[in-house]
Amino acid sequence: MSDSLRDQLLKSGLVQKLRPEPRAKPLPPADRRQSRQQPPPKKPAPPAPSARRELNEHDLARAYALRAKQEKEERDRAQREAERVAREKKERTQNAADADVPRHFPHGSKIRRVYCTPAQLVRLNKGELAVVQVAGRYLLVEKDIALQAQAIQAEALVLLCDADAPAEDDVPPDLVW
């Protein structure tokens, strides 16, 4: 029973023997200088939790801004495309660069239109010009050319006004309202 309390605790397994850590051997004086000159590389400290949250919030905000920018560019591109298609469609129905007066006429079971200048509109209504359909487009041409197109294909001539013919809704000039 000469065992000390420490020895008894070690035998019973309640305490493990504490071993002192082996000490590093002192470096010779030349090695000490080298170790001072080259400090060990430091690992970057991880950002604090609040800083990580801020970074995530900034990344999320940047992602939302980028997404909004891409969606806006897509909408603008679609709008430009729609405007281009509308412009091309109008150019197909225009016979002159400055044609902006629409002239409506029946063709088939629908009312169609062709754009013309005010001078062309007057000539069209007098019968000097005619509307001809070529490859799905309606074109204003001279009366002679329209008659030649009709000789080749009867359906080509769409509108040729007769200035001398009375209109169906022609009101007699002696009628007083």
N, C-alpha and C. Protein backbone atom coordinates (compact mmCIF):
# COMPACT_ATOMS: atom_id res chain seq x y z
N MET A 1 0.80 -1.18 0.00
CA MET A 1 0.00 0.00 0.00
C MET A 1 0.85 1.25 0.00
N SER A 2 1.90 1.06 -0.50
CA SER A 2 2.78 2.20 -0.57
C SER A 2 2.53 3.01 -1.84
N ASP A 3 1.54 2.57 -2.60
CA ASP A 3 1.24 3.31 -3.82
C ASP A 3 0.62 4.67 -3.48
N SER A 4 1.00 5.60 -4.21
CA SER A 4 0.47 6.94 -3.99
C SER A 4 -0.92 7.03 -4.64
N LEU A 5 -1.57 8.02 -4.30
CA LEU A 5 -2.90 8.24 -4.86
C LEU A 5 -2.84 8.30 -6.39
N ARG A 6 -1.84 8.91 -6.88
CA ARG A 6 -1.70 9.02 -8.32
C ARG A 6 -1.55 7.64 -8.95
N ASP A 7 -0.74 6.80 -8.36
CA ASP A 7 -0.53 5.46 -8.88
C ASP A 7 -1.81 4.64 -8.80
N GLN A 8 -2.55 4.81 -7.75
CA GLN A 8 -3.81 4.09 -7.60
C GLN A 8 -4.82 4.51 -8.66
N LEU A 9 -4.92 5.80 -8.96
CA LEU A 9 -5.83 6.28 -9.99
C LEU A 9 -5.41 5.78 -11.37
N LEU A 10 -4.13 5.71 -11.59
CA LEU A 10 -3.65 5.21 -12.87
C LEU A 10 -3.99 3.74 -13.03
N LYS A 11 -3.85 2.94 -11.99
CA LYS A 11 -4.15 1.52 -12.06
C LYS A 11 -5.64 1.30 -12.27
N SER A 12 -6.45 2.09 -11.64
CA SER A 12 -7.90 1.91 -11.78
C SER A 12 -8.40 2.39 -13.15
N GLY A 13 -7.63 3.14 -13.89
CA GLY A 13 -8.00 3.60 -15.23
C GLY A 13 -8.80 4.88 -15.25
N LEU A 14 -8.97 5.48 -14.11
CA LEU A 14 -9.73 6.72 -14.07
C LEU A 14 -8.93 7.89 -14.63
N VAL A 15 -7.66 7.83 -14.57
CA VAL A 15 -6.81 8.90 -15.05
C VAL A 15 -5.75 8.29 -15.93
N GLN A 16 -5.48 8.93 -17.00
CA GLN A 16 -4.40 8.45 -17.86
C GLN A 16 -3.14 9.19 -17.50
N LYS A 17 -2.08 8.52 -17.79
CA LYS A 17 -0.79 9.10 -17.44
C LYS A 17 -0.52 10.26 -18.36
N LEU A 18 -0.23 11.34 -17.81
CA LEU A 18 0.08 12.53 -18.58
C LEU A 18 1.55 12.50 -18.91
N ARG A 19 1.81 12.51 -20.21
CA ARG A 19 3.18 12.53 -20.64
C ARG A 19 3.53 13.95 -21.04
N PRO A 20 4.61 14.37 -20.57
CA PRO A 20 5.00 15.70 -21.01
C PRO A 20 5.40 15.64 -22.47
N GLU A 21 5.02 16.67 -23.23
CA GLU A 21 5.33 16.75 -24.64
C GLU A 21 6.83 16.86 -24.81
N PRO A 22 7.36 16.15 -25.77
CA PRO A 22 8.81 16.28 -25.96
C PRO A 22 9.13 17.68 -26.46
N ARG A 23 10.09 18.23 -25.86
CA ARG A 23 10.47 19.59 -26.24
C ARG A 23 11.35 19.54 -27.47
N ALA A 24 11.21 20.55 -28.28
CA ALA A 24 12.04 20.63 -29.47
C ALA A 24 13.45 20.96 -29.03
N LYS A 25 14.37 20.37 -29.73
CA LYS A 25 15.76 20.62 -29.37
C LYS A 25 16.11 22.03 -29.79
N PRO A 26 16.83 22.69 -28.99
CA PRO A 26 17.21 24.05 -29.38
C PRO A 26 18.05 24.03 -30.65
N LEU A 27 17.77 24.97 -31.50
CA LEU A 27 18.48 25.07 -32.77
C LEU A 27 19.83 25.71 -32.56
N PRO A 28 20.78 25.31 -33.37
CA PRO A 28 22.06 26.00 -33.29
C PRO A 28 21.88 27.46 -33.70
N PRO A 29 22.78 28.32 -33.30
CA PRO A 29 22.63 29.76 -33.56
C PRO A 29 22.45 30.09 -35.04
N ALA A 30 23.05 29.40 -35.97
CA ALA A 30 22.91 29.71 -37.40
C ALA A 30 21.50 29.39 -37.87
N ASP A 31 20.92 28.29 -37.39
CA ASP A 31 19.57 27.92 -37.79
C ASP A 31 18.53 28.88 -37.23
N ARG A 32 18.80 29.43 -36.07
CA ARG A 32 17.86 30.38 -35.48
C ARG A 32 17.72 31.61 -36.38
N ARG A 33 18.85 32.07 -36.95
CA ARG A 33 18.78 33.24 -37.81
C ARG A 33 17.92 32.95 -39.05
N GLN A 34 18.09 31.77 -39.63
CA GLN A 34 17.32 31.44 -40.82
C GLN A 34 15.83 31.35 -40.50
N SER A 35 15.49 30.78 -39.36
CA SER A 35 14.09 30.66 -39.01
C SER A 35 13.47 32.03 -38.76
N ARG A 36 14.27 32.99 -38.28
CA ARG A 36 13.73 34.33 -38.09
C ARG A 36 13.53 35.04 -39.42
N GLN A 37 14.43 34.79 -40.37
CA GLN A 37 14.34 35.47 -41.65
C GLN A 37 13.17 34.95 -42.49
N GLN A 38 12.83 33.70 -42.39
CA GLN A 38 11.74 33.13 -43.18
C GLN A 38 10.61 32.69 -42.24
N PRO A 39 9.69 33.57 -42.02
CA PRO A 39 8.58 33.17 -41.15
C PRO A 39 7.73 32.12 -41.87
N PRO A 40 7.11 31.26 -41.13
CA PRO A 40 6.27 30.23 -41.76
C PRO A 40 5.09 30.89 -42.49
N PRO A 41 4.65 30.30 -43.60
CA PRO A 41 3.54 30.90 -44.34
C PRO A 41 2.28 30.89 -43.49
N LYS A 42 1.57 32.00 -43.55
CA LYS A 42 0.34 32.11 -42.74
C LYS A 42 -0.86 31.79 -43.61
N LYS A 43 -1.79 31.11 -43.03
CA LYS A 43 -3.04 30.82 -43.72
C LYS A 43 -3.94 32.05 -43.57
N PRO A 44 -4.64 32.40 -44.63
CA PRO A 44 -5.56 33.53 -44.48
C PRO A 44 -6.67 33.17 -43.50
N ALA A 45 -6.97 34.08 -42.66
CA ALA A 45 -8.00 33.84 -41.66
C ALA A 45 -9.36 33.81 -42.36
N PRO A 46 -10.19 32.85 -42.00
CA PRO A 46 -11.52 32.81 -42.62
C PRO A 46 -12.30 34.05 -42.20
N PRO A 47 -13.11 34.57 -43.11
CA PRO A 47 -13.87 35.77 -42.76
C PRO A 47 -14.85 35.48 -41.63
N ALA A 48 -15.14 36.49 -40.93
CA ALA A 48 -16.09 36.36 -39.82
C ALA A 48 -17.46 35.99 -40.39
N PRO A 49 -18.32 35.37 -39.60
CA PRO A 49 -19.64 34.97 -40.11
C PRO A 49 -20.43 36.15 -40.68
N SER A 50 -20.34 37.31 -40.09
CA SER A 50 -21.09 38.46 -40.60
C SER A 50 -20.49 38.91 -41.94
N ALA A 51 -19.17 38.80 -42.08
CA ALA A 51 -18.54 39.16 -43.35
C ALA A 51 -18.95 38.17 -44.44
N ARG A 52 -19.02 36.87 -44.10
CA ARG A 52 -19.47 35.87 -45.07
C ARG A 52 -20.89 36.16 -45.51
N ARG A 53 -21.73 36.52 -44.56
CA ARG A 53 -23.12 36.84 -44.89
C ARG A 53 -23.18 38.04 -45.82
N GLU A 54 -22.34 39.05 -45.55
CA GLU A 54 -22.29 40.22 -46.41
C GLU A 54 -21.84 39.84 -47.81
N LEU A 55 -20.83 38.98 -47.90
CA LEU A 55 -20.35 38.54 -49.21
C LEU A 55 -21.46 37.81 -49.96
N ASN A 56 -22.17 36.93 -49.25
CA ASN A 56 -23.27 36.20 -49.88
C ASN A 56 -24.36 37.14 -50.34
N GLU A 57 -24.67 38.14 -49.52
CA GLU A 57 -25.69 39.11 -49.89
C GLU A 57 -25.25 39.91 -51.11
N HIS A 58 -23.97 40.29 -51.16
CA HIS A 58 -23.47 41.03 -52.31
C HIS A 58 -23.51 40.15 -53.56
N ASP A 59 -23.12 38.88 -53.41
CA ASP A 59 -23.16 37.96 -54.54
C ASP A 59 -24.59 37.77 -55.03
N LEU A 60 -25.52 37.64 -54.11
CA LEU A 60 -26.92 37.46 -54.47
C LEU A 60 -27.45 38.71 -55.16
N ALA A 61 -27.10 39.87 -54.63
CA ALA A 61 -27.54 41.12 -55.25
C ALA A 61 -26.94 41.26 -56.65
N ARG A 62 -25.68 40.91 -56.78
CA ARG A 62 -25.02 40.98 -58.09
C ARG A 62 -25.69 40.01 -59.07
N ALA A 63 -26.04 38.81 -58.60
CA ALA A 63 -26.70 37.83 -59.47
C ALA A 63 -28.07 38.33 -59.91
N TYR A 64 -28.83 38.92 -58.98
CA TYR A 64 -30.14 39.47 -59.35
C TYR A 64 -29.99 40.61 -60.35
N ALA A 65 -29.01 41.47 -60.15
CA ALA A 65 -28.78 42.59 -61.07
C ALA A 65 -28.40 42.08 -62.45
N LEU A 66 -27.55 41.06 -62.50
CA LEU A 66 -27.14 40.49 -63.78
C LEU A 66 -28.33 39.85 -64.49
N ARG A 67 -29.15 39.15 -63.73
CA ARG A 67 -30.34 38.52 -64.30
C ARG A 67 -31.30 39.57 -64.84
N ALA A 68 -31.53 40.63 -64.09
CA ALA A 68 -32.42 41.70 -64.53
C ALA A 68 -31.88 42.35 -65.80
N LYS A 69 -30.57 42.54 -65.84
CA LYS A 69 -29.96 43.15 -67.03
C LYS A 69 -30.15 42.25 -68.25
N GLN A 70 -29.94 40.95 -68.08
CA GLN A 70 -30.11 40.02 -69.20
C GLN A 70 -31.57 39.98 -69.67
N GLU A 71 -32.50 40.00 -68.73
CA GLU A 71 -33.91 39.98 -69.10
C GLU A 71 -34.29 41.26 -69.85
N LYS A 72 -33.75 42.40 -69.41
CA LYS A 72 -34.03 43.67 -70.08
C LYS A 72 -33.47 43.65 -71.51
N GLU A 73 -32.24 43.13 -71.65
CA GLU A 73 -31.64 43.04 -72.98
C GLU A 73 -32.48 42.13 -73.88
N GLU A 74 -32.99 41.04 -73.33
CA GLU A 74 -33.82 40.12 -74.11
C GLU A 74 -35.12 40.79 -74.54
N ARG A 75 -35.75 41.54 -73.62
CA ARG A 75 -36.98 42.26 -73.98
C ARG A 75 -36.70 43.31 -75.05
N ASP A 76 -35.60 44.04 -74.91
CA ASP A 76 -35.24 45.05 -75.90
C ASP A 76 -34.97 44.41 -77.26
N ARG A 77 -34.29 43.28 -77.26
CA ARG A 77 -34.01 42.58 -78.52
C ARG A 77 -35.30 42.11 -79.18
N ALA A 78 -36.23 41.57 -78.37
CA ALA A 78 -37.50 41.12 -78.92
C ALA A 78 -38.31 42.30 -79.47
N GLN A 79 -38.26 43.43 -78.78
CA GLN A 79 -38.98 44.62 -79.25
C GLN A 79 -38.37 45.12 -80.56
N ARG A 80 -37.03 45.16 -80.63
CA ARG A 80 -36.39 45.59 -81.89
C ARG A 80 -36.75 44.65 -83.03
N GLU A 81 -36.81 43.36 -82.74
CA GLU A 81 -37.16 42.37 -83.77
C GLU A 81 -38.60 42.58 -84.24
N ALA A 82 -39.52 42.82 -83.29
CA ALA A 82 -40.91 43.07 -83.66
C ALA A 82 -41.04 44.35 -84.49
N GLU A 83 -40.30 45.39 -84.11
CA GLU A 83 -40.33 46.63 -84.88
C GLU A 83 -39.77 46.41 -86.29
N ARG A 84 -38.72 45.61 -86.40
CA ARG A 84 -38.14 45.32 -87.71
C ARG A 84 -39.14 44.57 -88.59
N VAL A 85 -39.82 43.58 -88.01
CA VAL A 85 -40.80 42.81 -88.77
C VAL A 85 -41.95 43.72 -89.21
N ALA A 86 -42.43 44.59 -88.32
CA ALA A 86 -43.51 45.50 -88.68
C ALA A 86 -43.06 46.47 -89.78
N ARG A 87 -41.84 46.96 -89.67
CA ARG A 87 -41.32 47.88 -90.69
C ARG A 87 -41.22 47.19 -92.05
N GLU A 88 -40.72 45.94 -92.05
CA GLU A 88 -40.62 45.19 -93.31
C GLU A 88 -41.99 44.91 -93.89
N LYS A 89 -42.96 44.62 -93.03
CA LYS A 89 -44.32 44.36 -93.51
C LYS A 89 -44.91 45.61 -94.14
N LYS A 90 -44.67 46.75 -93.49
CA LYS A 90 -45.19 48.00 -94.04
C LYS A 90 -44.48 48.34 -95.35
N GLU A 91 -43.17 48.08 -95.42
CA GLU A 91 -42.43 48.35 -96.66
C GLU A 91 -42.94 47.47 -97.80
N ARG A 92 -43.40 46.27 -97.48
CA ARG A 92 -43.95 45.40 -98.53
C ARG A 92 -45.23 45.97 -99.10
N THR A 93 -45.99 46.70 -98.27
CA THR A 93 -47.25 47.26 -98.76
C THR A 93 -47.08 48.68 -99.28
N GLN A 94 -45.91 49.28 -99.07
CA GLN A 94 -45.67 50.63 -99.57
C GLN A 94 -45.11 50.56 -100.98
N ASN A 95 -45.52 51.52 -101.80
CA ASN A 95 -45.04 51.57 -103.17
C ASN A 95 -44.04 52.70 -103.37
N ALA A 96 -43.92 53.57 -102.41
CA ALA A 96 -42.95 54.67 -102.46
C ALA A 96 -42.41 54.87 -101.06
N ALA A 97 -41.25 55.49 -100.98
CA ALA A 97 -40.62 55.68 -99.67
C ALA A 97 -41.45 56.59 -98.77
N ASP A 98 -42.12 57.58 -99.34
CA ASP A 98 -42.91 58.51 -98.53
C ASP A 98 -44.39 58.18 -98.55
N ALA A 99 -44.76 56.96 -98.97
CA ALA A 99 -46.16 56.55 -99.02
C ALA A 99 -46.67 56.33 -97.60
N ASP A 100 -47.66 57.11 -97.22
CA ASP A 100 -48.21 56.94 -95.88
C ASP A 100 -49.73 57.02 -95.85
N VAL A 101 -50.38 57.14 -97.01
CA VAL A 101 -51.84 57.19 -97.08
C VAL A 101 -52.34 55.79 -97.44
N PRO A 102 -53.14 55.17 -96.57
CA PRO A 102 -53.63 53.83 -96.90
C PRO A 102 -54.83 53.91 -97.86
N ARG A 103 -54.86 52.99 -98.82
CA ARG A 103 -56.01 52.86 -99.73
C ARG A 103 -56.54 51.46 -99.51
N HIS A 104 -57.76 51.35 -99.01
CA HIS A 104 -58.37 50.06 -98.71
C HIS A 104 -59.17 49.59 -99.93
N PHE A 105 -59.20 48.28 -100.11
CA PHE A 105 -59.94 47.68 -101.22
C PHE A 105 -60.28 46.24 -100.85
N PRO A 106 -61.39 45.73 -101.39
CA PRO A 106 -61.75 44.33 -101.11
C PRO A 106 -60.97 43.40 -102.03
N HIS A 107 -60.50 42.31 -101.47
CA HIS A 107 -59.85 41.26 -102.26
C HIS A 107 -60.16 39.94 -101.59
N GLY A 108 -60.82 39.07 -102.33
CA GLY A 108 -61.27 37.82 -101.73
C GLY A 108 -62.38 38.14 -100.74
N SER A 109 -62.26 37.62 -99.56
CA SER A 109 -63.27 37.88 -98.54
C SER A 109 -62.76 38.86 -97.47
N LYS A 110 -61.66 39.54 -97.77
CA LYS A 110 -61.08 40.45 -96.78
C LYS A 110 -60.88 41.83 -97.37
N ILE A 111 -60.75 42.79 -96.49
CA ILE A 111 -60.41 44.16 -96.87
C ILE A 111 -58.89 44.29 -96.76
N ARG A 112 -58.25 44.63 -97.85
CA ARG A 112 -56.80 44.79 -97.88
C ARG A 112 -56.46 46.26 -97.98
N ARG A 113 -55.18 46.57 -97.84
CA ARG A 113 -54.76 47.96 -97.98
C ARG A 113 -53.41 48.02 -98.65
N VAL A 114 -53.20 49.13 -99.32
CA VAL A 114 -51.92 49.43 -99.93
C VAL A 114 -51.64 50.89 -99.61
N TYR A 115 -50.39 51.19 -99.30
CA TYR A 115 -50.02 52.56 -98.96
C TYR A 115 -49.56 53.28 -100.23
N CYS A 116 -49.96 54.53 -100.34
CA CYS A 116 -49.57 55.32 -101.49
C CYS A 116 -49.43 56.78 -101.07
N THR A 117 -48.88 57.57 -101.96
CA THR A 117 -48.75 59.01 -101.70
C THR A 117 -50.08 59.67 -102.05
N PRO A 118 -50.32 60.90 -101.62
CA PRO A 118 -51.57 61.58 -101.98
C PRO A 118 -51.75 61.70 -103.50
N ALA A 119 -50.68 61.95 -104.24
CA ALA A 119 -50.78 62.05 -105.70
C ALA A 119 -51.15 60.70 -106.31
N GLN A 120 -50.55 59.60 -105.77
CA GLN A 120 -50.88 58.27 -106.28
C GLN A 120 -52.33 57.92 -105.96
N LEU A 121 -52.84 58.35 -104.81
CA LEU A 121 -54.22 58.07 -104.43
C LEU A 121 -55.19 58.71 -105.42
N VAL A 122 -54.93 59.94 -105.81
CA VAL A 122 -55.79 60.62 -106.78
C VAL A 122 -55.76 59.87 -108.11
N ARG A 123 -54.56 59.50 -108.57
CA ARG A 123 -54.44 58.78 -109.84
C ARG A 123 -55.08 57.40 -109.76
N LEU A 124 -54.99 56.73 -108.60
CA LEU A 124 -55.60 55.41 -108.42
C LEU A 124 -57.12 55.51 -108.50
N ASN A 125 -57.69 56.53 -107.87
CA ASN A 125 -59.15 56.70 -107.88
C ASN A 125 -59.66 57.14 -109.26
N LYS A 126 -58.81 57.81 -110.06
CA LYS A 126 -59.20 58.21 -111.41
C LYS A 126 -59.11 57.04 -112.39
N GLY A 127 -58.38 55.98 -112.05
CA GLY A 127 -58.23 54.84 -112.93
C GLY A 127 -56.93 54.87 -113.72
N GLU A 128 -56.04 55.79 -113.42
CA GLU A 128 -54.76 55.86 -114.12
C GLU A 128 -53.77 54.83 -113.57
N LEU A 129 -53.92 54.47 -112.33
CA LEU A 129 -53.11 53.44 -111.68
C LEU A 129 -54.02 52.29 -111.29
N ALA A 130 -53.42 51.10 -111.09
CA ALA A 130 -54.18 49.93 -110.66
C ALA A 130 -53.38 49.19 -109.60
N VAL A 131 -54.06 48.31 -108.88
CA VAL A 131 -53.40 47.48 -107.86
C VAL A 131 -53.30 46.07 -108.42
N VAL A 132 -52.09 45.54 -108.40
CA VAL A 132 -51.81 44.20 -108.90
C VAL A 132 -51.19 43.40 -107.76
N GLN A 133 -51.57 42.11 -107.69
CA GLN A 133 -50.98 41.23 -106.68
C GLN A 133 -49.91 40.37 -107.33
N VAL A 134 -48.69 40.47 -106.78
CA VAL A 134 -47.57 39.67 -107.28
C VAL A 134 -46.88 39.05 -106.07
N ALA A 135 -46.83 37.73 -106.04
CA ALA A 135 -46.15 36.99 -104.97
C ALA A 135 -46.63 37.42 -103.59
N GLY A 136 -47.93 37.61 -103.44
CA GLY A 136 -48.48 37.97 -102.13
C GLY A 136 -48.38 39.44 -101.79
N ARG A 137 -47.79 40.23 -102.64
CA ARG A 137 -47.66 41.68 -102.40
C ARG A 137 -48.61 42.42 -103.32
N TYR A 138 -49.10 43.55 -102.84
CA TYR A 138 -49.95 44.41 -103.65
C TYR A 138 -49.13 45.59 -104.13
N LEU A 139 -49.10 45.77 -105.43
CA LEU A 139 -48.28 46.83 -106.02
C LEU A 139 -49.15 47.78 -106.83
N LEU A 140 -48.77 49.06 -106.82
CA LEU A 140 -49.41 50.06 -107.68
C LEU A 140 -48.64 50.11 -108.99
N VAL A 141 -49.36 49.94 -110.10
CA VAL A 141 -48.72 49.99 -111.41
C VAL A 141 -49.59 50.83 -112.34
N GLU A 142 -49.02 51.20 -113.48
CA GLU A 142 -49.77 51.94 -114.50
C GLU A 142 -50.88 51.03 -115.04
N LYS A 143 -51.90 51.67 -115.60
CA LYS A 143 -53.06 50.94 -116.11
C LYS A 143 -52.65 49.97 -117.22
N ASP A 144 -51.76 50.37 -118.10
CA ASP A 144 -51.33 49.52 -119.21
C ASP A 144 -50.66 48.24 -118.69
N ILE A 145 -49.79 48.39 -117.72
CA ILE A 145 -49.09 47.23 -117.15
C ILE A 145 -50.07 46.32 -116.44
N ALA A 146 -51.07 46.89 -115.76
CA ALA A 146 -52.08 46.10 -115.06
C ALA A 146 -52.89 45.27 -116.06
N LEU A 147 -53.23 45.85 -117.19
CA LEU A 147 -53.99 45.11 -118.20
C LEU A 147 -53.14 43.99 -118.81
N GLN A 148 -51.84 44.22 -118.97
CA GLN A 148 -50.95 43.17 -119.47
C GLN A 148 -50.84 42.03 -118.45
N ALA A 149 -50.76 42.38 -117.18
CA ALA A 149 -50.70 41.35 -116.12
C ALA A 149 -51.99 40.56 -116.08
N GLN A 150 -53.13 41.22 -116.33
CA GLN A 150 -54.41 40.52 -116.34
C GLN A 150 -54.49 39.55 -117.52
N ALA A 151 -53.89 39.92 -118.64
CA ALA A 151 -53.90 39.04 -119.80
C ALA A 151 -53.10 37.77 -119.51
N ILE A 152 -52.03 37.90 -118.74
CA ILE A 152 -51.21 36.73 -118.40
C ILE A 152 -51.89 35.90 -117.32
N GLN A 153 -52.36 36.56 -116.28
CA GLN A 153 -53.02 35.87 -115.16
C GLN A 153 -54.17 36.74 -114.70
N ALA A 154 -55.39 36.24 -114.83
CA ALA A 154 -56.58 37.05 -114.55
C ALA A 154 -56.66 37.48 -113.09
N GLU A 155 -56.16 36.65 -112.17
CA GLU A 155 -56.26 36.97 -110.75
C GLU A 155 -55.24 38.04 -110.32
N ALA A 156 -54.31 38.38 -111.18
CA ALA A 156 -53.27 39.34 -110.82
C ALA A 156 -53.84 40.74 -110.63
N LEU A 157 -54.81 41.12 -111.46
CA LEU A 157 -55.41 42.45 -111.34
C LEU A 157 -56.40 42.44 -110.19
N VAL A 158 -56.14 43.28 -109.20
CA VAL A 158 -56.97 43.30 -107.99
C VAL A 158 -57.91 44.50 -108.00
N LEU A 159 -57.42 45.66 -108.38
CA LEU A 159 -58.23 46.88 -108.34
C LEU A 159 -57.89 47.77 -109.51
N LEU A 160 -58.91 48.08 -110.30
CA LEU A 160 -58.78 49.06 -111.37
C LEU A 160 -60.05 49.88 -111.33
N CYS A 161 -59.93 51.12 -110.89
CA CYS A 161 -61.10 51.98 -110.74
C CYS A 161 -61.50 52.55 -112.10
N ASP A 162 -62.82 52.69 -112.30
CA ASP A 162 -63.35 53.35 -113.49
C ASP A 162 -63.91 54.68 -113.03
N ALA A 163 -63.30 55.75 -113.47
CA ALA A 163 -63.70 57.09 -113.02
C ALA A 163 -65.08 57.47 -113.54
N ASP A 164 -65.52 56.89 -114.67
CA ASP A 164 -66.81 57.27 -115.26
C ASP A 164 -67.97 56.47 -114.68
N ALA A 165 -67.71 55.35 -114.05
CA ALA A 165 -68.79 54.51 -113.52
C ALA A 165 -69.36 55.12 -112.26
N PRO A 166 -70.71 55.12 -112.14
CA PRO A 166 -71.30 55.64 -110.91
C PRO A 166 -71.08 54.66 -109.77
N ALA A 167 -70.84 55.21 -108.60
CA ALA A 167 -70.64 54.37 -107.42
C ALA A 167 -71.98 53.87 -106.94
N GLU A 168 -72.00 52.78 -106.22
CA GLU A 168 -73.25 52.21 -105.72
C GLU A 168 -73.96 53.15 -104.78
N ASP A 169 -73.21 53.89 -104.00
CA ASP A 169 -73.81 54.80 -103.04
C ASP A 169 -73.77 56.25 -103.56
N ASP A 170 -73.73 56.39 -104.88
CA ASP A 170 -73.67 57.71 -105.48
C ASP A 170 -74.98 58.45 -105.19
N VAL A 171 -74.88 59.62 -104.63
CA VAL A 171 -76.04 60.43 -104.28
C VAL A 171 -76.32 61.37 -105.46
N PRO A 172 -77.55 61.42 -105.91
CA PRO A 172 -77.85 62.34 -107.01
C PRO A 172 -77.53 63.78 -106.63
N PRO A 173 -77.00 64.56 -107.57
CA PRO A 173 -76.60 65.91 -107.24
C PRO A 173 -77.76 66.84 -106.87
N ASP A 174 -78.99 66.50 -107.29
CA ASP A 174 -80.12 67.38 -107.01
C ASP A 174 -80.75 67.09 -105.64
N LEU A 175 -80.26 66.11 -104.94
CA LEU A 175 -80.80 65.79 -103.63
C LEU A 175 -80.30 66.79 -102.60
N VAL A 176 -81.25 67.36 -101.85
CA VAL A 176 -80.89 68.32 -100.80
C VAL A 176 -81.12 67.63 -99.47
N TRP A 177 -80.16 67.70 -98.66
CA TRP A 177 -80.27 67.05 -97.34
C TRP A 177 -80.97 67.92 -96.37
